[in-house]
Protein backbone atom coordinates (compact mmCIF):
# COMPACT_ATOMS: atom_id res chain seq x y z
CA MET A 1 0.00 0.00 0.00
CA ASN A 2 1.11 3.57 -0.59
CA ASP A 3 1.12 6.28 2.07
CA ILE A 4 -2.39 7.60 1.50
CA GLN A 5 -3.87 4.08 1.43
CA ILE A 6 -2.15 3.24 4.73
CA ALA A 7 -3.46 6.50 6.20
CA GLN A 8 -7.02 5.92 5.03
CA LYS A 9 -7.11 2.41 6.52
CA ALA A 10 -5.92 3.61 9.93
CA LYS A 11 -8.48 3.78 12.75
CA LEU A 12 -8.49 7.19 14.40
CA LEU A 13 -9.51 7.84 17.97
CA PRO A 14 -11.88 10.76 18.65
CA ILE A 15 -9.80 13.90 18.97
CA THR A 16 -11.56 14.59 22.28
CA LYS A 17 -10.03 11.39 23.69
CA ILE A 18 -6.57 12.30 22.41
CA ALA A 19 -6.95 15.70 24.09
CA LYS A 20 -8.20 14.21 27.35
CA ASP A 21 -5.36 11.70 27.51
CA CYS A 22 -2.75 14.45 27.30
CA GLY A 23 -4.47 16.71 29.82
CA ILE A 24 -6.11 19.32 27.61
CA PRO A 25 -9.24 20.64 29.36
CA THR A 26 -12.52 20.75 27.45
CA ASN A 27 -12.66 24.56 27.54
CA ALA A 28 -9.30 24.74 25.73
CA LEU A 29 -10.45 22.57 22.82
CA GLN A 30 -12.19 23.69 19.64
CA PRO A 31 -12.93 20.57 17.54
CA TYR A 32 -12.87 20.69 13.74
CA GLY A 33 -14.86 17.50 13.21
CA ASP A 34 -13.94 14.21 14.90
CA SER A 35 -10.21 14.07 14.17
CA VAL A 36 -8.84 17.65 14.31
CA ALA A 37 -9.09 20.34 16.97
CA LYS A 38 -7.54 23.66 17.88
CA VAL A 39 -6.00 24.11 21.31
CA ASP A 40 -6.36 27.50 22.98
CA PRO A 41 -3.02 28.31 24.64
CA ILE A 42 -4.65 31.05 26.71
CA ARG A 43 -6.53 28.33 28.62
CA LEU A 44 -3.23 26.60 29.37
CA LYS A 45 -1.19 29.64 30.40
CA ASP A 46 -0.95 28.55 34.04
CA LYS A 47 0.40 25.08 33.23
CA PRO A 48 4.20 24.82 33.66
CA GLN A 49 6.47 23.54 30.91
CA LYS A 50 7.58 20.08 32.04
CA GLY A 51 8.79 18.33 28.92
CA LYS A 52 12.20 17.58 27.51
CA LEU A 53 12.68 19.02 24.02
CA ILE A 54 14.09 16.76 21.30
CA LEU A 55 15.13 18.54 18.09
CA VAL A 56 15.21 16.39 14.95
CA THR A 57 17.42 17.63 12.14
CA ALA A 58 19.31 15.94 9.31
CA ILE A 59 22.37 15.65 7.16
CA THR A 60 22.62 17.87 4.08
CA PRO A 61 19.57 16.89 1.97
CA THR A 62 19.94 14.88 -1.23
CA THR A 63 17.62 13.77 -4.00
CA ALA A 64 17.76 10.30 -2.40
CA GLY A 65 15.71 11.64 0.54
CA GLU A 66 16.32 11.37 4.28
CA GLY A 67 12.82 11.08 5.78
CA LYS A 68 13.24 13.52 8.65
CA THR A 69 9.50 13.95 9.29
CA THR A 70 8.94 10.19 9.10
CA VAL A 71 11.69 9.63 11.68
CA SER A 72 10.30 12.42 13.91
CA ILE A 73 6.86 10.80 13.91
CA GLY A 74 8.30 7.33 14.38
CA LEU A 75 10.44 8.55 17.29
CA ALA A 76 7.44 10.08 19.07
CA ASP A 77 5.54 6.84 18.52
CA GLY A 78 8.54 4.86 19.77
CA LEU A 79 8.70 6.93 22.96
CA ARG A 80 5.05 6.16 23.53
CA ALA A 81 5.70 2.46 22.81
CA ILE A 82 8.30 2.30 25.62
CA GLY A 83 5.88 3.91 28.07
CA LYS A 84 6.88 7.58 27.80
CA SER A 85 4.50 10.52 27.54
CA SER A 86 5.34 12.03 24.15
CA MET A 87 3.99 14.64 21.74
CA LEU A 88 4.98 16.01 18.35
CA ALA A 89 5.31 19.69 17.43
CA LEU A 90 5.59 19.97 13.64
CA ARG A 91 5.13 22.47 10.81
CA GLU A 92 2.04 22.61 8.60
CA PRO A 93 2.61 21.69 4.95
CA SER A 94 2.38 24.37 2.27
CA MET A 95 0.13 23.47 -0.65
CA GLY A 96 2.80 24.76 -3.02
CA PRO A 97 5.06 21.70 -2.53
CA VAL A 98 2.02 19.41 -2.13
CA PHE A 99 0.87 20.21 -5.68
CA GLY A 100 4.38 20.83 -6.99
CA MET A 101 7.44 18.69 -6.35
CA LYS A 102 7.03 16.90 -3.04
CA GLY A 103 3.48 15.71 -2.62
CA GLY A 104 2.37 15.44 1.01
CA ALA A 105 4.39 16.35 4.09
CA THR A 106 2.88 14.26 6.87
CA GLY A 107 5.43 11.45 7.18
CA GLY A 108 5.28 8.11 5.42
CA GLY A 109 4.31 4.47 5.74
CA TYR A 110 3.20 3.66 9.29
CA ALA A 111 4.78 6.82 10.70
CA GLN A 112 2.22 9.41 9.64
CA VAL A 113 0.15 12.16 11.22
CA LEU A 114 -3.53 11.95 10.36
CA PRO A 115 -5.85 12.84 8.69
CA MET A 116 -3.13 13.31 6.08
CA GLU A 117 -5.43 14.62 3.33
CA SER A 118 -6.83 17.34 5.59
CA ILE A 119 -3.42 18.36 6.91
CA ASN A 120 -2.03 18.64 3.36
CA LEU A 121 -5.09 20.38 1.89
CA HIS A 122 -6.37 23.51 3.67
CA PHE A 123 -6.31 21.91 7.17
CA THR A 124 -7.93 24.41 9.58
CA GLY A 125 -7.29 27.40 7.33
CA ASP A 126 -4.24 28.80 9.13
CA PHE A 127 -2.36 29.42 5.87
CA HIS A 128 -5.39 31.15 4.41
CA ALA A 129 -5.62 33.41 7.46
CA ILE A 130 -1.92 34.29 7.15
CA THR A 131 -2.38 34.93 3.41
CA THR A 132 -5.34 37.22 4.10
CA ALA A 133 -3.55 39.14 6.85
CA ASN A 134 -0.53 39.64 4.58
CA ASN A 135 -2.69 40.85 1.69
CA LEU A 136 -4.69 43.16 3.95
CA LEU A 137 -1.41 44.87 4.85
CA CYS A 138 -0.52 45.23 1.16
CA ALA A 139 -3.95 46.67 0.39
CA MET A 140 -3.71 49.12 3.29
CA VAL A 141 -0.29 50.35 2.14
CA ASP A 142 -1.52 50.94 -1.41
CA ASN A 143 -4.69 52.56 -0.12
CA HIS A 144 -2.67 54.90 2.08
CA ILE A 145 -0.70 56.02 -0.97
CA GLN A 146 -3.92 56.46 -2.96
CA GLN A 147 -5.75 58.40 -0.25
CA GLY A 148 -3.35 61.32 0.09
CA ASN A 149 -0.14 59.57 1.24
CA ALA A 150 0.16 61.35 4.60
CA LEU A 151 3.28 59.33 5.43
CA ASN A 152 4.97 60.46 2.20
CA ILE A 153 5.62 56.84 1.11
CA ASP A 154 7.85 56.40 -1.91
CA ALA A 155 5.85 53.93 -4.04
CA ARG A 156 9.10 52.77 -5.64
CA GLN A 157 10.26 51.52 -2.23
CA VAL A 158 7.24 49.54 -1.06
CA ARG A 159 8.67 46.33 0.40
CA VAL A 160 5.69 44.13 1.25
CA ARG A 161 4.47 41.77 -1.47
CA ARG A 162 1.19 39.96 -1.78
CA CYS A 163 1.21 36.20 -1.26
CA MET A 164 -0.69 33.01 -1.98
CA ASP A 165 -0.13 29.41 -0.88
CA MET A 166 0.56 28.00 -4.32
CA ASN A 167 3.47 27.72 -6.75
CA ASP A 168 2.92 30.24 -9.58
CA ARG A 169 5.96 31.67 -11.36
CA GLN A 170 3.70 33.94 -13.46
CA LEU A 171 3.15 36.11 -10.38
CA ARG A 172 6.78 36.58 -9.34
CA SER A 173 7.02 39.93 -11.10
CA ILE A 174 3.95 41.94 -12.06
CA VAL A 175 2.89 45.55 -12.57
CA GLY A 176 -0.12 46.70 -10.57
CA GLY A 177 -2.23 49.81 -10.38
CA LEU A 178 -2.84 50.08 -14.14
CA GLY A 179 -5.95 51.67 -15.62
CA GLY A 180 -5.86 55.24 -14.42
CA ASP A 181 -5.96 57.25 -11.19
CA LYS A 182 -8.93 55.38 -9.71
CA ASN A 183 -7.05 52.09 -9.80
CA GLY A 184 -4.05 53.13 -7.71
CA VAL A 185 -0.46 54.09 -8.43
CA PRO A 186 1.25 51.97 -11.12
CA ARG A 187 4.31 50.17 -9.78
CA GLU A 188 6.27 46.97 -10.10
CA ASP A 189 5.12 44.35 -7.62
CA GLY A 190 4.92 40.59 -7.21
CA PHE A 191 3.73 37.64 -5.13
CA ASP A 192 5.57 35.37 -2.70
CA ILE A 193 4.35 31.96 -1.60
CA THR A 194 2.69 32.24 1.82
CA ALA A 195 5.32 30.07 3.53
CA ALA A 196 8.02 32.57 2.43
CA SER A 197 6.13 35.67 3.59
CA GLU A 198 7.30 37.81 6.48
CA VAL A 199 3.88 37.48 8.09
CA MET A 200 4.38 33.70 8.26
CA ALA A 201 7.80 34.06 9.89
CA THR A 202 6.40 36.66 12.29
CA PHE A 203 3.43 34.44 13.17
CA CYS A 204 5.71 31.54 14.08
CA MET A 205 8.02 33.66 16.25
CA ALA A 206 5.19 35.20 18.30
CA GLY A 207 4.68 33.97 21.86
CA ASP A 208 1.08 35.11 22.22
CA LEU A 209 -1.48 37.44 20.64
CA GLN A 210 -0.06 40.63 22.11
CA ASP A 211 3.45 39.67 21.06
CA LEU A 212 2.08 38.90 17.60
CA LYS A 213 0.45 42.33 17.35
CA LYS A 214 3.68 44.04 18.41
CA ARG A 215 5.73 42.02 15.93
CA LEU A 216 3.29 42.67 13.07
CA GLY A 217 3.52 46.36 13.86
CA ASN A 218 7.31 46.15 13.46
CA ILE A 219 7.11 44.96 9.85
CA VAL A 220 8.79 47.57 7.66
CA VAL A 221 6.47 48.08 4.69
CA ALA A 222 8.23 50.85 2.77
CA ARG A 223 10.48 53.90 2.91
CA ASP A 224 9.40 57.49 2.58
CA PHE A 225 10.99 59.99 0.20
CA SER A 226 13.55 60.97 2.84
CA GLY A 227 14.65 57.34 3.25
CA LYS A 228 12.92 56.75 6.61
CA ASN A 229 11.35 53.34 7.34
CA ILE A 230 7.55 53.13 7.41
CA THR A 231 6.08 50.31 9.53
CA CYS A 232 2.85 48.37 9.65
CA ALA A 233 2.05 50.10 12.95
CA GLN A 234 2.20 53.50 11.22
CA ILE A 235 -0.19 52.23 8.54
CA GLY A 236 -2.50 51.22 11.41
CA CYS A 237 -2.95 47.62 10.27
CA ALA A 238 -1.48 45.52 13.10
CA GLY A 239 -4.69 45.27 15.11
CA ALA A 240 -6.82 44.11 12.19
CA MET A 241 -4.15 41.61 11.12
CA THR A 242 -4.02 40.18 14.64
CA ALA A 243 -7.81 39.87 14.66
CA LEU A 244 -7.60 37.87 11.42
CA LEU A 245 -4.97 35.62 13.00
CA ARG A 246 -6.63 35.14 16.40
CA ASP A 247 -7.98 31.64 15.73
CA ALA A 248 -4.99 30.71 13.58
CA MET A 249 -2.74 31.31 16.61
CA MET A 250 -4.26 28.25 18.28
CA PRO A 251 -2.13 25.15 17.52
CA ASN A 252 -3.82 22.27 15.69
CA LEU A 253 -4.14 18.94 17.50
CA VAL A 254 -4.12 15.70 15.48
CA GLN A 255 -2.74 12.18 16.04
CA THR A 256 -0.38 9.66 14.49
CA ILE A 257 -1.38 6.20 13.27
CA ASP A 258 -0.23 4.98 16.72
CA HIS A 259 -2.43 7.68 18.38
CA THR A 260 0.45 9.84 19.60
CA PRO A 261 -0.78 13.45 19.94
CA ALA A 262 0.70 16.00 17.53
CA LEU A 263 0.50 19.79 17.42
CA ILE A 264 0.94 20.98 13.83
CA HIS A 265 1.21 24.74 13.50
CA GLY A 266 2.84 27.26 11.16
CA GLY A 267 5.20 26.56 8.30
CA PRO A 268 7.89 29.07 7.29
CA PHE A 269 10.34 27.89 4.63
CA ALA A 270 13.81 27.12 5.92
CA ASN A 271 15.73 28.64 3.02
CA ILE A 272 14.32 32.17 3.36
CA ALA A 273 13.12 32.06 7.00
CA HIS A 274 13.80 30.00 10.12
CA GLY A 275 11.97 26.82 9.08
CA CYS A 276 10.41 25.86 12.44
CA ASN A 277 6.88 25.35 13.72
CA SER A 278 5.44 28.08 15.95
CA VAL A 279 6.88 29.05 19.32
CA THR A 280 3.32 28.82 20.67
CA ALA A 281 2.91 25.18 19.62
CA THR A 282 6.31 24.14 20.98
CA ARG A 283 5.66 25.78 24.34
CA THR A 284 2.17 24.27 24.49
CA ALA A 285 3.49 20.77 23.77
CA LEU A 286 6.09 21.11 26.52
CA LYS A 287 3.23 21.70 28.98
CA LEU A 288 1.40 18.55 27.91
CA ALA A 289 4.06 15.83 27.52
CA ASP A 290 7.28 14.63 29.12
CA TYR A 291 9.07 14.37 25.76
CA VAL A 292 8.37 16.71 22.84
CA VAL A 293 9.72 15.86 19.40
CA THR A 294 10.08 18.80 17.02
CA GLU A 295 12.01 19.33 13.81
CA ALA A 296 13.72 22.06 11.83
CA GLY A 297 13.87 22.38 8.06
CA PHE A 298 16.58 20.99 5.78
CA GLY A 299 19.99 19.99 7.15
CA ALA A 300 21.41 20.99 10.52
CA ASP A 301 23.49 23.79 8.95
CA LEU A 302 20.25 25.60 8.04
CA GLY A 303 17.40 24.25 10.18
CA ALA A 304 19.14 23.47 13.46
CA GLU A 305 21.28 26.62 13.31
CA LYS A 306 18.21 28.81 12.87
CA PHE A 307 16.24 26.88 15.49
CA ILE A 308 19.01 27.56 17.98
CA ASP A 309 20.27 31.02 17.04
CA ILE A 310 16.86 32.52 16.21
CA LYS A 311 14.00 30.55 17.78
CA CYS A 312 15.75 29.46 20.99
CA ARG A 313 17.38 32.86 21.50
CA ALA A 314 14.03 34.66 21.24
CA SER A 315 11.86 32.17 23.14
CA GLY A 316 14.11 30.71 25.82
CA LEU A 317 13.55 27.17 24.49
CA ARG A 318 16.46 24.73 24.88
CA PRO A 319 16.84 21.32 23.17
CA ASP A 320 17.80 18.51 25.54
CA CYS A 321 18.86 16.25 22.67
CA VAL A 322 19.47 16.70 18.93
CA VAL A 323 18.69 13.79 16.60
CA ILE A 324 20.45 13.86 13.22
CA VAL A 325 18.68 11.83 10.53
CA ALA A 326 20.55 10.14 7.71
CA THR A 327 20.10 7.26 5.30
CA ILE A 328 22.77 4.97 3.92
CA ARG A 329 21.49 5.88 0.44
CA ALA A 330 21.98 9.60 1.03
CA LEU A 331 25.41 9.13 2.54
CA LYS A 332 26.50 7.16 -0.52
CA HIS A 333 25.20 10.01 -2.67
CA HIS A 334 27.41 12.42 -0.67
CA GLY A 335 30.21 9.97 -1.39
CA GLY A 336 29.79 10.43 -5.13
CA VAL A 337 27.33 7.68 -6.11
CA LEU A 338 24.73 8.58 -8.73
CA LYS A 339 21.07 8.26 -7.77
CA ALA A 340 20.51 5.34 -10.17
CA ASP A 341 23.24 3.32 -8.41
CA LEU A 342 22.30 3.98 -4.77
CA GLY A 343 20.70 0.55 -4.36
CA ARG A 344 24.06 -1.17 -4.93
CA GLU A 345 26.41 -1.92 -2.07
CA ASN A 346 29.29 0.58 -1.88
CA VAL A 347 30.97 0.74 1.52
CA GLU A 348 33.79 2.99 0.29
CA ALA A 349 31.36 5.67 -0.93
CA LEU A 350 29.33 5.33 2.26
CA LEU A 351 32.35 6.07 4.45
CA ALA A 352 33.35 9.00 2.23
CA GLY A 353 29.85 10.48 2.37
CA ALA A 354 29.61 9.90 6.12
CA GLN A 355 31.97 12.85 6.56
CA ASN A 356 28.91 15.03 5.91
CA LEU A 357 27.11 13.36 8.82
CA LEU A 358 30.13 13.69 11.10
CA GLN A 359 30.47 17.38 10.29
CA HIS A 360 26.88 17.95 11.39
CA VAL A 361 27.44 15.91 14.55
CA ARG A 362 30.54 17.92 15.43
CA ASN A 363 28.67 21.18 14.88
CA VAL A 364 25.94 20.09 17.30
CA ARG A 365 28.45 19.01 19.92
CA LYS A 366 31.19 21.60 19.56
CA VAL A 367 29.42 24.74 18.36
CA TRP A 368 26.13 24.46 20.26
CA LYS A 369 27.35 22.15 23.07
CA LEU A 370 24.33 19.84 22.78
CA PRO A 371 24.15 16.03 22.99
CA ALA A 372 23.55 14.29 19.65
CA VAL A 373 22.07 10.98 18.51
CA VAL A 374 22.23 9.68 14.94
CA ALA A 375 19.08 8.06 13.54
CA ILE A 376 19.52 6.00 10.39
CA ASN A 377 16.27 5.77 8.44
CA HIS A 378 16.36 2.14 7.33
CA PHE A 379 15.87 1.06 3.69
CA VAL A 380 15.58 -2.54 2.44
CA THR A 381 18.51 -1.85 0.08
CA ASP A 382 20.89 -1.28 3.02
CA SER A 383 23.38 -4.16 2.98
CA ASP A 384 24.75 -5.87 6.10
CA ALA A 385 28.25 -4.68 5.21
CA GLU A 386 27.08 -1.06 4.88
CA ILE A 387 25.17 -1.23 8.15
CA LYS A 388 28.19 -2.64 10.00
CA ALA A 389 30.55 -0.08 8.46
CA LEU A 390 28.34 2.81 9.54
CA GLU A 391 27.80 1.39 13.03
CA ASP A 392 31.57 0.90 13.44
CA LEU A 393 32.24 4.47 12.32
CA MET A 394 29.70 5.90 14.78
CA LYS A 395 31.14 3.75 17.56
CA ALA A 396 34.65 5.00 16.79
CA GLU A 397 33.37 8.59 16.98
CA LYS A 398 31.48 7.75 20.21
CA VAL A 399 28.18 8.87 18.69
CA PRO A 400 25.02 7.06 19.82
CA CYS A 401 23.44 5.59 16.69
CA GLU A 402 20.24 3.61 16.13
CA PHE A 403 18.30 2.48 13.08
CA SER A 404 14.71 3.58 12.56
CA ASP A 405 12.07 1.31 11.03
CA GLY A 406 9.16 3.64 11.71
CA TRP A 407 8.10 3.69 8.06
CA ALA A 408 7.54 -0.08 8.07
CA LYS A 409 6.54 -0.71 11.69
CA GLY A 410 5.47 2.56 13.31
CA GLY A 411 6.46 2.95 16.95
CA GLN A 412 7.38 -0.73 17.24
CA GLY A 413 10.15 -0.10 14.73
CA THR A 414 11.70 2.79 16.66
CA LYS A 415 11.76 1.52 20.25
CA GLU A 416 15.55 1.18 20.40
CA LEU A 417 15.98 4.67 18.96
CA ALA A 418 13.44 5.99 21.48
CA LYS A 419 15.29 4.35 24.41
CA THR A 420 18.57 5.90 23.34
CA VAL A 421 17.09 9.35 22.72
CA ALA A 422 15.20 9.35 26.03
CA ALA A 423 18.35 8.40 27.93
CA VAL A 424 20.39 11.11 26.21
CA ALA A 425 17.64 13.71 26.72
CA ASP A 426 17.38 12.84 30.40
CA LYS A 427 21.11 13.44 30.80
CA GLY A 428 20.98 16.55 28.59
CA LYS A 429 18.28 18.26 30.63
CA GLY A 430 19.73 21.53 31.85
CA SER A 431 22.68 21.49 29.45
CA GLN A 432 24.12 24.90 28.71
CA LEU A 433 23.22 25.75 25.13
CA GLN A 434 25.84 27.88 23.36
CA PHE A 435 24.84 30.11 20.45
CA THR A 436 26.92 30.40 17.29
CA TYR A 437 27.58 34.10 17.87
CA ASP A 438 27.15 36.83 20.45
CA ILE A 439 24.06 38.89 19.66
CA GLY A 440 26.03 42.08 20.28
CA LEU A 441 28.34 41.50 17.31
CA PRO A 442 27.83 43.58 14.15
CA LEU A 443 25.60 41.96 11.54
CA LYS A 444 28.55 41.28 9.25
CA GLU A 445 30.45 39.42 11.98
CA LYS A 446 27.37 37.32 12.86
CA ILE A 447 27.16 36.19 9.25
CA GLU A 448 30.87 35.40 9.22
CA ALA A 449 30.56 33.41 12.46
CA ILE A 450 27.87 31.14 10.97
CA ALA A 451 29.82 30.74 7.73
CA ARG A 452 33.04 29.75 9.47
CA LYS A 453 31.80 27.79 12.48
CA VAL A 454 28.80 25.99 10.95
CA TYR A 455 29.42 25.89 7.20
CA HIS A 456 33.25 25.65 7.57
CA ALA A 457 33.85 28.35 4.96
CA GLY A 458 37.34 29.77 4.61
CA SER A 459 36.16 33.30 3.84
CA VAL A 460 33.06 35.41 3.31
CA THR A 461 32.69 38.10 0.69
CA PHE A 462 29.93 40.69 0.52
CA THR A 463 28.73 42.40 -2.63
CA ALA A 464 28.62 46.18 -2.62
CA GLN A 465 24.83 46.03 -2.36
CA ALA A 466 24.96 43.69 0.62
CA ARG A 467 27.47 45.91 2.43
CA LYS A 468 25.34 48.98 1.78
CA ILE A 469 22.18 47.37 3.16
CA LEU A 470 23.96 45.98 6.23
CA GLN A 471 25.22 49.46 7.05
CA GLN A 472 21.79 50.95 6.44
CA LEU A 473 20.13 48.39 8.72
CA THR A 474 22.68 49.10 11.40
CA ASP A 475 22.06 52.83 11.08
CA ASP A 476 18.31 52.16 11.31
CA GLY A 477 18.79 50.37 14.65
CA PHE A 478 18.57 46.73 13.54
CA GLY A 479 22.19 45.78 14.20
CA GLY A 480 21.29 43.85 17.36
CA VAL A 481 19.05 41.18 15.81
CA PRO A 482 19.96 37.60 14.77
CA VAL A 483 20.79 36.76 11.16
CA CYS A 484 19.08 34.18 8.97
CA ILE A 485 21.19 33.01 6.03
CA ALA A 486 19.32 31.99 2.89
CA LYS A 487 21.37 29.57 0.82
CA THR A 488 21.08 26.27 -1.02
CA GLN A 489 20.05 23.37 1.20
CA TYR A 490 22.07 20.88 -0.88
CA SER A 491 25.51 21.82 0.39
CA PHE A 492 27.34 23.29 3.37
CA SER A 493 28.57 25.83 0.81
CA ASP A 494 26.61 28.14 -1.50
CA ASP A 495 27.29 25.77 -4.41
CA PRO A 496 24.72 22.92 -4.54
CA LYS A 497 27.21 20.71 -6.42
CA GLN A 498 29.69 20.65 -3.51
CA LEU A 499 28.53 17.52 -1.68
CA GLY A 500 30.05 15.85 1.36
CA ALA A 501 31.88 18.06 3.83
CA PRO A 502 33.61 20.87 1.92
CA GLU A 503 35.87 23.22 3.85
CA GLY A 504 37.77 26.40 3.12
CA PHE A 505 35.45 27.62 0.37
CA GLU A 506 34.40 31.22 -0.19
CA LEU A 507 30.80 32.11 0.72
CA THR A 508 29.32 35.11 -1.07
CA ILE A 509 26.55 37.23 0.46
CA ARG A 510 24.74 38.82 -2.47
CA ASP A 511 21.83 40.62 -0.83
CA VAL A 512 20.27 41.40 2.56
CA ARG A 513 16.67 41.89 3.62
CA LEU A 514 15.06 42.89 6.91
CA SER A 515 12.37 40.73 8.51
CA GLY A 516 11.41 43.22 11.20
CA GLY A 517 8.33 41.40 12.46
CA ALA A 518 10.08 38.06 12.85
CA GLY A 519 13.03 39.87 14.41
CA PHE A 520 15.92 38.90 12.14
CA VAL A 521 17.92 39.98 9.10
CA VAL A 522 18.00 37.64 6.08
CA ALA A 523 21.33 37.40 4.24
CA PHE A 524 21.18 35.83 0.77
CA ALA A 525 24.04 33.54 -0.21
CA GLY A 526 22.65 32.76 -3.64
CA ASP A 527 19.50 33.36 -5.64
CA ILE A 528 16.59 32.23 -3.48
CA ILE A 529 13.15 32.31 -5.13
CA ALA A 530 10.29 33.28 -2.80
CA MET A 531 7.62 32.18 -5.31
CA PRO A 532 8.38 28.69 -6.68
CA GLY A 533 7.09 27.49 -10.02
CA LEU A 534 5.47 24.18 -10.87
CA PRO A 535 7.71 21.49 -12.42
CA LYS A 536 7.10 19.91 -15.81
CA GLN A 537 5.17 17.08 -14.15
CA PRO A 538 3.46 18.66 -11.11
CA ALA A 539 2.36 16.37 -8.29
CA ALA A 540 -1.12 17.86 -8.86
CA LEU A 541 -1.48 15.67 -11.97
CA ALA A 542 -1.76 12.57 -9.75
CA ILE A 543 -4.19 14.00 -7.18
CA ASP A 544 -7.87 13.17 -7.58
CA VAL A 545 -11.10 12.48 -5.67
CA ASP A 546 -13.71 9.78 -6.41
CA GLU A 547 -17.52 9.80 -6.24
CA ASP A 548 -17.39 8.92 -2.53
CA GLY A 549 -15.13 11.87 -1.76
CA VAL A 550 -12.02 9.71 -1.23
CA ILE A 551 -8.84 11.59 -2.16
CA SER A 552 -5.95 9.83 -3.88
CA GLY A 553 -2.51 10.74 -5.19
CA ILE A 554 -0.98 12.55 -2.18
CA PHE A 555 2.32 10.99 -1.10
């Protein structure tokens, strides 16, 4: 059976029972049918955070796939299978990738969160609320310019862009306001995908509604003709945006096939933002379970770094254990094996590619001072010789390592991994997290610290434009915020073809952008597209629904 068939055959418990079993009071629950509910964090504000936080990250991604979400779900199920109180805190899928390249984003096999069709398609409408709030801000900015422009906004320097939760390259660059004076001021504009919008990043960094309103107010929407920043608060839009996002701020409660509770909430992309689920959902989960499994986007150089240096710094969250996901197939790819040959035994390539894994492990241990566990997502093509070689390597490096069979067996296939992770997390509780850089450093030096310590670059160069914007942001008072580097996910470097564990390369920062609401500066090490396009064969071609309303084709 494929993923959606496995999901549709699973027997779900009433969401009210899932909520009751993890201590959510009735007055904090807003059901969306029998299998989905929103949890009101306001009703839980007096509950203390008791859980240990387990961050799941991965090696540098490859086209072979690593299965980070599948391992995260399997691990939470495995913790439950060994008698632990566990909960997931994951991101919501964007419909752009669902209909584009990836298909669904709810795990795989017998390690899935359910109902997978609902989660992948609309869910509780959070993305639509974020889209609407973003586009209200855009409309208010343009209306302010049209209705007299009291703030003296330079229409050529409007920074906010409209968004939609779909891949559509046609909307990347447009001209709006055509048709005469009554239709606005003509200017170049464009759309971003909702997951790449600043409102999404801001939403996920907010601790509560009042923090959200303050952060939304801090979004810089434009500059005036004297070069001064104009914010959302000056436009007067923050209150209305927060009202639109009130219900969306409640995390969504669902369950796995093994009935482990999961909070799925928010979904910023990890290449242009911080790539983590909401602070609100993570904090809520830590109040409800003894072990909370969360994940960060892409490899540890992007996702884990941003989770630690941005999300943890702002929220006070601290991981008690970091799990690094890899597959033997992906490690062989990092060792130079072509995708078509990954099913063949190749111990030499495996050991060469494993340097990528070890570099991530060393970053976790030496840069951030956190305990690490390696989880190998098991494939049937893994040979005994390859398994032994990898286990021997991890033993030599004194890295705890377990195989995960969550895809095939659910929680029963991850019990050994769960035992190891729980033991490491118990010892890691109270460990002193170390950030990559001191927040008081200049923006340029923060970028250089990440490049050298985490990516292992030899040098960093900045284009003239990047230097100019960094200086301008510093002059505007934003020098004291964290940095979020946008680069390819396929390499430690800014060249996607440099696999393995490159060192000593030159990283080039081409552009810089402020994300004032989220509270960080984005530095672009490459051309990052904020509105993806559909591929030649979109995943949407395989998605359908029959006369009984049963959806097929989501994987």
